[in-house]
Amino acid sequence: MALQPQPIYQLTWVDKTTNKIAIRCAFGVQNGLALSPVAAPFGSVEWAAQVTPAELSRFVNELIEQVRQVGGTRLQLIHPPACYAPKQTEQLFDVLNQHGFSLSRQVSTFYLPVNGQPLLHRMRASERQRFRKCVRAGFRASRWEKPDPDTVIQFLVEHRRIKGYSLSVSENQLVCLLNRFPENFPVFGVWSEQILVALCVCVRVRTDSLYTFMPVSHADYAPFSPMVMLLENLYQYCQQTHISLLDLGPSLDSTRRFKPSLAQFKRNMGAITSPKLTFRISLR
């Protein structure tokens, strides 16, 4: 939480039986807009399995009141993709609707369910050919143990800028994440001998979920499509670490509009779609 703009407010609901947090939501307020999350792909309300719909409804009511008390006039919740917890997403949708929230945005995220079969079996023939091309060229893919943050940032900034994308977080925030939370933000790469040709900073969202936070490949190696090899290695990592969901994120261009070519690439890799919902309410 310390990495996000301050102040950050966190509302929690403690289960009196277990004395543990059963429901929580963190949000920040800027220019009257209360947003959860402030600087992350998604946030919204999180709750434990034993929470009843009535308890969830009371929490949402209290959340609205807390936002009002700190000066918020609007509240926006960016919920994780439904594939993370389909039943909970449906339950929250019903509760928020009862409290006057509207669905302000819906995008599709692409994800790979991880099972015992190789990812090559899910890929289309075109991507298998690209993977084999990387293998023939001698490329190697692996998790980058103890990555140098300056090298990671330089590569991300340079090659994302070529494609019209900026960093999703500030450079200082990314340095802090890589240094302080290496297990939660693992870095994966593809190398041609000593040359880094593709890279992805990931987020261990939960014990069973991995999110591809910032993927990018070297423009000069585009004919090889090294991102195919990187994703294949990511999938293997998920198999080895008991991660059942590899989230490839939405397919958007630099203006946050749907990008058909990126969506097609993810489908070719075997990914399927899940809705990612944003809810909003005016508190005036």
Protein backbone atom coordinates (compact mmCIF):
# COMPACT_ATOMS: atom_id res chain seq x y z
CA MET A 1 0.00 0.00 0.00
CA ALA A 2 2.89 2.37 0.67
CA LEU A 3 3.73 2.38 -3.04
CA GLN A 4 0.47 4.06 -4.01
CA PRO A 5 -0.30 7.81 -3.77
CA GLN A 6 -1.27 8.84 -0.26
CA PRO A 7 -3.56 8.95 1.56
CA ILE A 8 -4.81 5.41 1.15
CA TYR A 9 -7.83 4.31 3.14
CA GLN A 10 -8.56 0.70 4.01
CA LEU A 11 -11.91 -0.47 5.32
CA THR A 12 -11.97 -3.92 6.91
CA TRP A 13 -14.61 -6.21 8.38
CA VAL A 14 -13.36 -8.60 11.09
CA ASP A 15 -15.04 -11.95 11.64
CA LYS A 16 -15.75 -12.10 15.39
CA THR A 17 -15.57 -15.89 15.38
CA THR A 18 -12.09 -16.17 13.88
CA ASN A 19 -10.89 -12.65 14.73
CA LYS A 20 -9.54 -12.39 11.18
CA ILE A 21 -10.29 -9.92 8.40
CA ALA A 22 -13.18 -11.31 6.35
CA ILE A 23 -13.88 -8.35 4.03
CA ARG A 24 -11.66 -5.48 2.96
CA CYS A 25 -11.36 -2.70 0.42
CA ALA A 26 -8.58 -0.17 -0.03
CA PHE A 27 -9.14 3.08 -1.93
CA GLY A 28 -7.67 6.49 -2.57
CA VAL A 29 -9.43 9.79 -3.28
CA GLN A 30 -8.33 12.28 -5.92
CA ASN A 31 -10.47 15.24 -7.03
CA GLY A 32 -13.54 13.68 -5.46
CA LEU A 33 -13.10 10.28 -7.13
CA ALA A 34 -12.59 7.38 -4.74
CA LEU A 35 -10.85 4.65 -6.68
CA SER A 36 -10.00 1.07 -5.82
CA PRO A 37 -7.29 0.42 -6.75
CA VAL A 38 -5.21 3.59 -7.01
CA ALA A 39 -2.20 2.24 -8.92
CA ALA A 40 -2.75 -1.42 -9.75
CA PRO A 41 -4.54 -3.43 -12.44
CA PHE A 42 -7.53 -4.12 -10.17
CA GLY A 43 -8.70 -3.84 -6.57
CA SER A 44 -12.37 -3.65 -5.49
CA VAL A 45 -13.90 -5.52 -2.54
CA GLU A 46 -12.32 -8.78 -1.34
CA TRP A 47 -14.02 -11.20 1.02
CA ALA A 48 -13.73 -14.67 2.50
CA ALA A 49 -15.89 -17.62 1.54
CA GLN A 50 -17.86 -17.62 4.80
CA VAL A 51 -19.16 -14.05 4.33
CA THR A 52 -22.93 -13.94 3.76
CA PRO A 53 -24.65 -11.73 1.16
CA ALA A 54 -26.17 -9.69 4.01
CA GLU A 55 -22.73 -9.05 5.54
CA LEU A 56 -21.32 -8.10 2.16
CA SER A 57 -24.22 -5.70 1.63
CA ARG A 58 -23.61 -4.03 5.01
CA PHE A 59 -19.93 -3.68 4.20
CA VAL A 60 -20.69 -1.98 0.86
CA ASN A 61 -23.05 0.40 2.65
CA GLU A 62 -20.32 1.25 5.16
CA LEU A 63 -17.81 1.68 2.32
CA ILE A 64 -20.06 4.26 0.68
CA GLU A 65 -20.38 6.17 3.96
CA GLN A 66 -16.63 6.10 4.55
CA VAL A 67 -15.99 7.48 1.06
CA ARG A 68 -18.42 10.32 1.75
CA GLN A 69 -16.71 11.11 5.06
CA VAL A 70 -13.31 11.58 3.41
CA GLY A 71 -14.70 13.87 0.70
CA GLY A 72 -15.44 11.45 -2.11
CA THR A 73 -18.31 12.31 -4.44
CA ARG A 74 -17.86 9.26 -6.71
CA LEU A 75 -16.70 5.72 -6.09
CA GLN A 76 -15.19 3.42 -8.71
CA LEU A 77 -14.32 -0.22 -8.15
CA ILE A 78 -12.19 -2.05 -10.72
CA HIS A 79 -12.90 -5.70 -10.01
CA PRO A 80 -10.53 -8.57 -10.90
CA PRO A 81 -11.46 -10.65 -13.96
CA ALA A 82 -14.34 -13.01 -13.29
CA CYS A 83 -12.13 -16.05 -13.95
CA TYR A 84 -10.40 -15.46 -10.59
CA ALA A 85 -13.63 -16.13 -8.66
CA PRO A 86 -16.74 -16.44 -10.89
CA LYS A 87 -19.27 -16.96 -8.08
CA GLN A 88 -17.92 -14.06 -6.02
CA THR A 89 -18.01 -11.74 -9.03
CA GLU A 90 -21.67 -12.58 -9.61
CA GLN A 91 -22.44 -12.07 -5.92
CA LEU A 92 -20.73 -8.67 -5.82
CA PHE A 93 -22.50 -7.60 -9.02
CA ASP A 94 -25.86 -8.28 -7.35
CA VAL A 95 -24.93 -6.46 -4.13
CA LEU A 96 -23.52 -3.40 -5.89
CA ASN A 97 -26.59 -3.21 -8.12
CA GLN A 98 -28.78 -3.12 -5.00
CA HIS A 99 -26.78 -0.14 -3.71
CA GLY A 100 -27.11 1.87 -6.92
CA PHE A 101 -23.83 1.10 -8.65
CA SER A 102 -23.76 0.92 -12.43
CA LEU A 103 -21.48 -1.06 -14.70
CA SER A 104 -19.32 1.68 -16.22
CA ARG A 105 -16.89 -0.48 -18.20
CA GLN A 106 -16.41 -4.08 -19.25
CA VAL A 107 -13.33 -5.38 -21.02
CA SER A 108 -12.20 -8.91 -21.75
CA THR A 109 -9.07 -10.25 -20.17
CA PHE A 110 -7.29 -13.24 -21.69
CA TYR A 111 -6.08 -16.09 -19.53
CA LEU A 112 -4.63 -19.57 -19.73
CA PRO A 113 -6.00 -22.27 -17.43
CA VAL A 114 -2.93 -24.20 -16.34
CA ASN A 115 -3.11 -28.00 -16.35
CA GLY A 116 -0.73 -30.90 -16.82
CA GLN A 117 -0.51 -30.63 -20.61
CA PRO A 118 2.23 -28.60 -22.34
CA LEU A 119 1.22 -25.18 -23.63
CA LEU A 120 2.38 -26.29 -27.07
CA HIS A 121 -0.73 -28.49 -27.21
CA ARG A 122 -2.93 -25.37 -26.80
CA MET A 123 -1.07 -23.17 -29.28
CA ARG A 124 -2.12 -22.85 -32.87
CA ALA A 125 0.28 -24.13 -35.52
CA SER A 126 1.53 -20.62 -36.33
CA GLU A 127 2.70 -20.03 -32.74
CA ARG A 128 4.28 -23.48 -32.49
CA GLN A 129 6.31 -22.63 -35.57
CA ARG A 130 7.44 -19.36 -33.97
CA PHE A 131 8.40 -21.18 -30.80
CA ARG A 132 10.50 -23.68 -32.77
CA LYS A 133 12.11 -20.81 -34.66
CA CYS A 134 13.29 -19.38 -31.35
CA VAL A 135 14.59 -22.78 -30.29
CA ARG A 136 16.52 -23.20 -33.56
CA ALA A 137 18.01 -19.73 -33.08
CA GLY A 138 19.37 -20.81 -29.71
CA PHE A 139 17.16 -18.55 -27.59
CA ARG A 140 16.69 -19.48 -23.94
CA ALA A 141 13.89 -18.46 -21.60
CA SER A 142 13.84 -18.53 -17.79
CA ARG A 143 12.94 -16.67 -14.66
CA TRP A 144 15.46 -13.89 -14.08
CA GLU A 145 16.83 -14.46 -10.59
CA LYS A 146 17.88 -11.23 -8.86
CA PRO A 147 17.27 -8.95 -11.87
CA ASP A 148 19.01 -5.59 -12.02
CA PRO A 149 16.15 -3.05 -11.70
CA ASP A 150 17.96 -0.44 -13.84
CA THR A 151 18.39 -2.92 -16.69
CA VAL A 152 14.76 -4.04 -16.42
CA ILE A 153 13.47 -0.47 -16.47
CA GLN A 154 15.72 0.60 -19.33
CA PHE A 155 14.52 -2.32 -21.45
CA LEU A 156 10.85 -1.73 -20.57
CA VAL A 157 10.97 2.02 -21.20
CA GLU A 158 12.86 1.76 -24.49
CA HIS A 159 10.86 -0.99 -26.12
CA ARG A 160 7.44 -0.04 -24.77
CA ARG A 161 8.01 3.50 -26.04
CA ILE A 162 8.77 2.16 -29.52
CA LYS A 163 5.35 0.48 -29.46
CA GLY A 164 3.63 3.59 -28.06
CA TYR A 165 3.20 2.35 -24.47
CA SER A 166 4.34 3.98 -21.23
CA LEU A 167 5.09 2.28 -17.92
CA SER A 168 2.05 1.33 -15.84
CA VAL A 169 3.80 2.57 -12.68
CA SER A 170 6.58 5.08 -12.09
CA GLU A 171 10.19 3.99 -12.38
CA ASN A 172 10.74 4.55 -8.66
CA GLN A 173 7.72 2.43 -7.79
CA LEU A 174 8.92 -0.38 -10.02
CA VAL A 175 12.39 -0.32 -8.46
CA CYS A 176 10.78 -0.56 -5.04
CA LEU A 177 8.57 -3.49 -6.09
CA LEU A 178 11.46 -5.45 -7.59
CA ASN A 179 13.74 -4.84 -4.61
CA ARG A 180 11.26 -5.33 -1.78
CA PHE A 181 8.90 -7.98 -3.16
CA PRO A 182 10.87 -10.21 -5.59
CA GLU A 183 8.64 -13.24 -4.94
CA ASN A 184 5.47 -11.24 -5.62
CA PHE A 185 6.90 -9.55 -8.74
CA PRO A 186 8.98 -12.19 -10.55
CA VAL A 187 10.74 -11.21 -13.77
CA PHE A 188 11.07 -13.53 -16.76
CA GLY A 189 13.19 -13.07 -19.85
CA VAL A 190 14.32 -14.50 -23.17
CA TRP A 191 17.95 -14.21 -24.22
CA SER A 192 19.83 -14.67 -27.47
CA GLU A 193 23.28 -15.53 -26.08
CA GLN A 194 23.78 -12.52 -23.76
CA ILE A 195 21.26 -10.23 -25.44
CA LEU A 196 17.90 -9.72 -23.72
CA VAL A 197 15.22 -10.01 -26.40
CA ALA A 198 11.99 -10.23 -24.36
CA LEU A 199 10.98 -9.50 -20.80
CA CYS A 200 7.93 -9.65 -18.56
CA VAL A 201 7.41 -8.34 -15.03
CA CYS A 202 4.69 -10.50 -13.48
CA VAL A 203 2.54 -10.20 -10.37
CA ARG A 204 1.79 -13.15 -8.10
CA VAL A 205 -1.79 -12.03 -7.49
CA ARG A 206 -2.63 -15.02 -5.29
CA THR A 207 -0.99 -18.33 -4.55
CA ASP A 208 -2.79 -19.83 -7.56
CA SER A 209 -2.71 -16.86 -9.99
CA LEU A 210 0.02 -15.09 -11.97
CA TYR A 211 -0.56 -11.86 -13.92
CA THR A 212 1.63 -10.72 -16.83
CA PHE A 213 1.96 -7.11 -15.67
CA MET A 214 4.41 -5.58 -18.17
CA PRO A 215 5.48 -7.75 -21.12
CA VAL A 216 7.62 -6.38 -23.96
CA SER A 217 9.96 -7.71 -26.63
CA HIS A 218 12.96 -6.24 -28.45
CA ALA A 219 11.84 -4.57 -31.67
CA ASP A 220 14.85 -5.90 -33.62
CA TYR A 221 13.81 -9.49 -32.86
CA ALA A 222 10.19 -9.17 -33.95
CA PRO A 223 10.62 -11.77 -36.77
CA PHE A 224 11.28 -14.40 -34.08
CA SER A 225 8.29 -13.50 -31.87
CA PRO A 226 10.24 -14.24 -28.66
CA MET A 227 7.13 -13.50 -26.58
CA VAL A 228 5.85 -16.93 -27.63
CA MET A 229 8.87 -18.57 -25.97
CA LEU A 230 8.51 -16.34 -22.91
CA LEU A 231 4.84 -17.28 -22.40
CA GLU A 232 5.66 -20.95 -22.88
CA ASN A 233 8.26 -20.63 -20.13
CA LEU A 234 5.79 -18.75 -17.91
CA TYR A 235 3.30 -21.57 -18.36
CA GLN A 236 5.93 -24.12 -17.32
CA TYR A 237 6.72 -22.01 -14.26
CA CYS A 238 3.02 -22.04 -13.33
CA GLN A 239 2.91 -25.82 -13.67
CA GLN A 240 5.97 -26.19 -11.43
CA THR A 241 4.70 -23.78 -8.73
CA HIS A 242 1.07 -24.98 -8.60
CA ILE A 243 -0.39 -21.86 -10.25
CA SER A 244 -3.65 -22.72 -11.99
CA LEU A 245 -4.36 -19.41 -13.77
CA LEU A 246 -2.00 -17.41 -15.98
CA ASP A 247 -3.60 -14.00 -16.64
CA LEU A 248 -2.38 -12.41 -19.89
CA GLY A 249 -4.42 -9.25 -19.30
CA PRO A 250 -6.68 -7.34 -21.69
CA SER A 251 -5.75 -6.60 -25.30
CA LEU A 252 -5.58 -2.81 -25.46
CA ASP A 253 -3.50 -0.34 -27.44
CA SER A 254 -1.69 2.69 -26.00
CA THR A 255 -4.98 4.65 -25.90
CA ARG A 256 -6.72 1.85 -23.93
CA ARG A 257 -8.77 0.76 -26.93
CA PHE A 258 -9.26 -2.83 -28.03
CA LYS A 259 -6.36 -4.08 -30.15
CA PRO A 260 -7.49 -6.93 -32.46
CA SER A 261 -3.98 -8.07 -33.39
CA LEU A 262 -2.96 -8.49 -29.75
CA ALA A 263 -6.19 -10.33 -28.96
CA GLN A 264 -5.56 -12.69 -31.88
CA PHE A 265 -2.03 -13.41 -30.66
CA LYS A 266 -3.36 -14.39 -27.23
CA ARG A 267 -6.01 -16.60 -28.79
CA ASN A 268 -3.31 -18.23 -30.90
CA MET A 269 -1.47 -19.00 -27.66
CA GLY A 270 -4.56 -20.85 -26.45
CA ALA A 271 -5.96 -18.14 -24.16
CA ILE A 272 -9.67 -17.75 -23.46
CA THR A 273 -11.55 -14.65 -22.32
CA SER A 274 -13.14 -13.53 -19.08
CA PRO A 275 -14.94 -10.25 -18.31
CA LYS A 276 -13.22 -7.61 -16.19
CA LEU A 277 -15.84 -5.26 -14.73
CA THR A 278 -15.65 -1.67 -13.46
CA PHE A 279 -18.45 -0.38 -11.21
CA ARG A 280 -19.22 3.25 -10.41
CA ILE A 281 -21.64 5.22 -8.25
CA SER A 282 -22.24 8.95 -7.75
CA LEU A 283 -22.51 9.92 -4.08
CA ARG A 284 -23.92 13.41 -4.53
